[in-house]
Amino acid sequence: MMEGASEPELIAEVVYEAATDSKKQLRYVAGEDAKALYAQRLEMGAEAFREQFGKQFI
């Protein structure tokens, strides 16, 4: 598993919640790693975040 990554059980719990809670919520953030990335996205804005994040894989 990647260092600092969330445990699969935590991800499964959040996925289950998202699938069964009847909310119209678009995003569910699971784990501290995802919370940090989501906070960065909110701070930078979606477009700038996508651009920066995409550069990591190109």
C-alpha atoms as a PDB file:
ATOM      1  CA  MET A   1       0.000   0.000   0.000  1.00  0.00           C
ATOM      2  CA  MET A   2       1.166   3.549  -0.644  1.00  0.00           C
ATOM      3  CA  GLU A   3       2.676   5.377   2.285  1.00  0.00           C
ATOM      4  CA  GLY A   4       0.098   7.657   3.878  1.00  0.00           C
ATOM      5  CA  ALA A   5      -2.788   6.111   1.943  1.00  0.00           C
ATOM      6  CA  SER A   6      -6.106   5.391   3.608  1.00  0.00           C
ATOM      7  CA  GLU A   7      -6.997   1.888   4.690  1.00  0.00           C
ATOM      8  CA  PRO A   8      -9.328   0.013   2.321  1.00  0.00           C
ATOM      9  CA  GLU A   9     -11.874  -0.484   5.113  1.00  0.00           C
ATOM     10  CA  LEU A  10     -12.222   3.280   5.565  1.00  0.00           C
ATOM     11  CA  ILE A  11     -12.731   3.788   1.840  1.00  0.00           C
ATOM     12  CA  ALA A  12     -15.337   1.007   1.812  1.00  0.00           C
ATOM     13  CA  GLU A  13     -17.234   2.652   4.686  1.00  0.00           C
ATOM     14  CA  VAL A  14     -17.366   5.993   2.869  1.00  0.00           C
ATOM     15  CA  VAL A  15     -18.388   4.364  -0.425  1.00  0.00           C
ATOM     16  CA  TYR A  16     -21.177   2.515   1.386  1.00  0.00           C
ATOM     17  CA  GLU A  17     -22.314   5.747   3.039  1.00  0.00           C
ATOM     18  CA  ALA A  18     -22.341   7.530  -0.317  1.00  0.00           C
ATOM     19  CA  ALA A  19     -24.366   4.746  -1.901  1.00  0.00           C
ATOM     20  CA  THR A  20     -26.964   4.480   0.841  1.00  0.00           C
ATOM     21  CA  ASP A  21     -27.465   7.858   2.543  1.00  0.00           C
ATOM     22  CA  SER A  22     -30.049   9.282   0.070  1.00  0.00           C
ATOM     23  CA  LYS A  23     -28.228  12.629  -0.052  1.00  0.00           C
ATOM     24  CA  LYS A  24     -27.618  14.483  -3.280  1.00  0.00           C
ATOM     25  CA  GLN A  25     -24.046  15.066  -2.173  1.00  0.00           C
ATOM     26  CA  LEU A  26     -21.585  14.962  -5.070  1.00  0.00           C
ATOM     27  CA  ARG A  27     -18.288  14.407  -3.250  1.00  0.00           C
ATOM     28  CA  TYR A  28     -17.375  12.255  -0.289  1.00  0.00           C
ATOM     29  CA  VAL A  29     -13.864  12.635   1.058  1.00  0.00           C
ATOM     30  CA  ALA A  30     -12.410   9.457   2.550  1.00  0.00           C
ATOM     31  CA  GLY A  31      -9.237   9.522   4.608  1.00  0.00           C
ATOM     32  CA  GLU A  32      -6.673  12.074   5.649  1.00  0.00           C
ATOM     33  CA  ASP A  33      -4.842  11.868   2.322  1.00  0.00           C
ATOM     34  CA  ALA A  34      -8.019  12.739   0.437  1.00  0.00           C
ATOM     35  CA  LYS A  35      -8.906  15.489   2.911  1.00  0.00           C
ATOM     36  CA  ALA A  36      -5.535  17.139   2.280  1.00  0.00           C
ATOM     37  CA  LEU A  37      -5.965  16.948  -1.498  1.00  0.00           C
ATOM     38  CA  TYR A  38      -9.523  18.265  -1.302  1.00  0.00           C
ATOM     39  CA  ALA A  39      -8.439  21.187   0.892  1.00  0.00           C
ATOM     40  CA  GLN A  40      -5.755  21.995  -1.667  1.00  0.00           C
ATOM     41  CA  ARG A  41      -8.365  21.864  -4.454  1.00  0.00           C
ATOM     42  CA  LEU A  42     -10.637  24.251  -2.564  1.00  0.00           C
ATOM     43  CA  GLU A  43      -7.765  26.649  -1.940  1.00  0.00           C
ATOM     44  CA  MET A  44      -6.434  26.625  -5.519  1.00  0.00           C
ATOM     45  CA  GLY A  45      -9.674  26.295  -7.395  1.00  0.00           C
ATOM     46  CA  ALA A  46     -10.733  23.282  -9.418  1.00  0.00           C
ATOM     47  CA  GLU A  47      -9.091  24.219 -12.718  1.00  0.00           C
ATOM     48  CA  ALA A  48      -5.679  25.102 -11.245  1.00  0.00           C
ATOM     49  CA  PHE A  49      -5.765  21.964  -9.110  1.00  0.00           C
ATOM     50  CA  ARG A  50      -6.566  19.759 -12.118  1.00  0.00           C
ATOM     51  CA  GLU A  51      -3.735  21.323 -14.075  1.00  0.00           C
ATOM     52  CA  GLN A  52      -1.195  20.827 -11.269  1.00  0.00           C
ATOM     53  CA  PHE A  53      -2.408  17.337 -10.409  1.00  0.00           C
ATOM     54  CA  GLY A  54      -2.340  16.276 -14.069  1.00  0.00           C
ATOM     55  CA  LYS A  55       1.310  17.290 -14.399  1.00  0.00           C
ATOM     56  CA  GLN A  56       2.212  14.619 -11.858  1.00  0.00           C
ATOM     57  CA  PHE A  57       1.156  11.916 -14.314  1.00  0.00           C
ATOM     58  CA  ILE A  58       2.449  13.301 -17.592  1.00  0.00           C
END
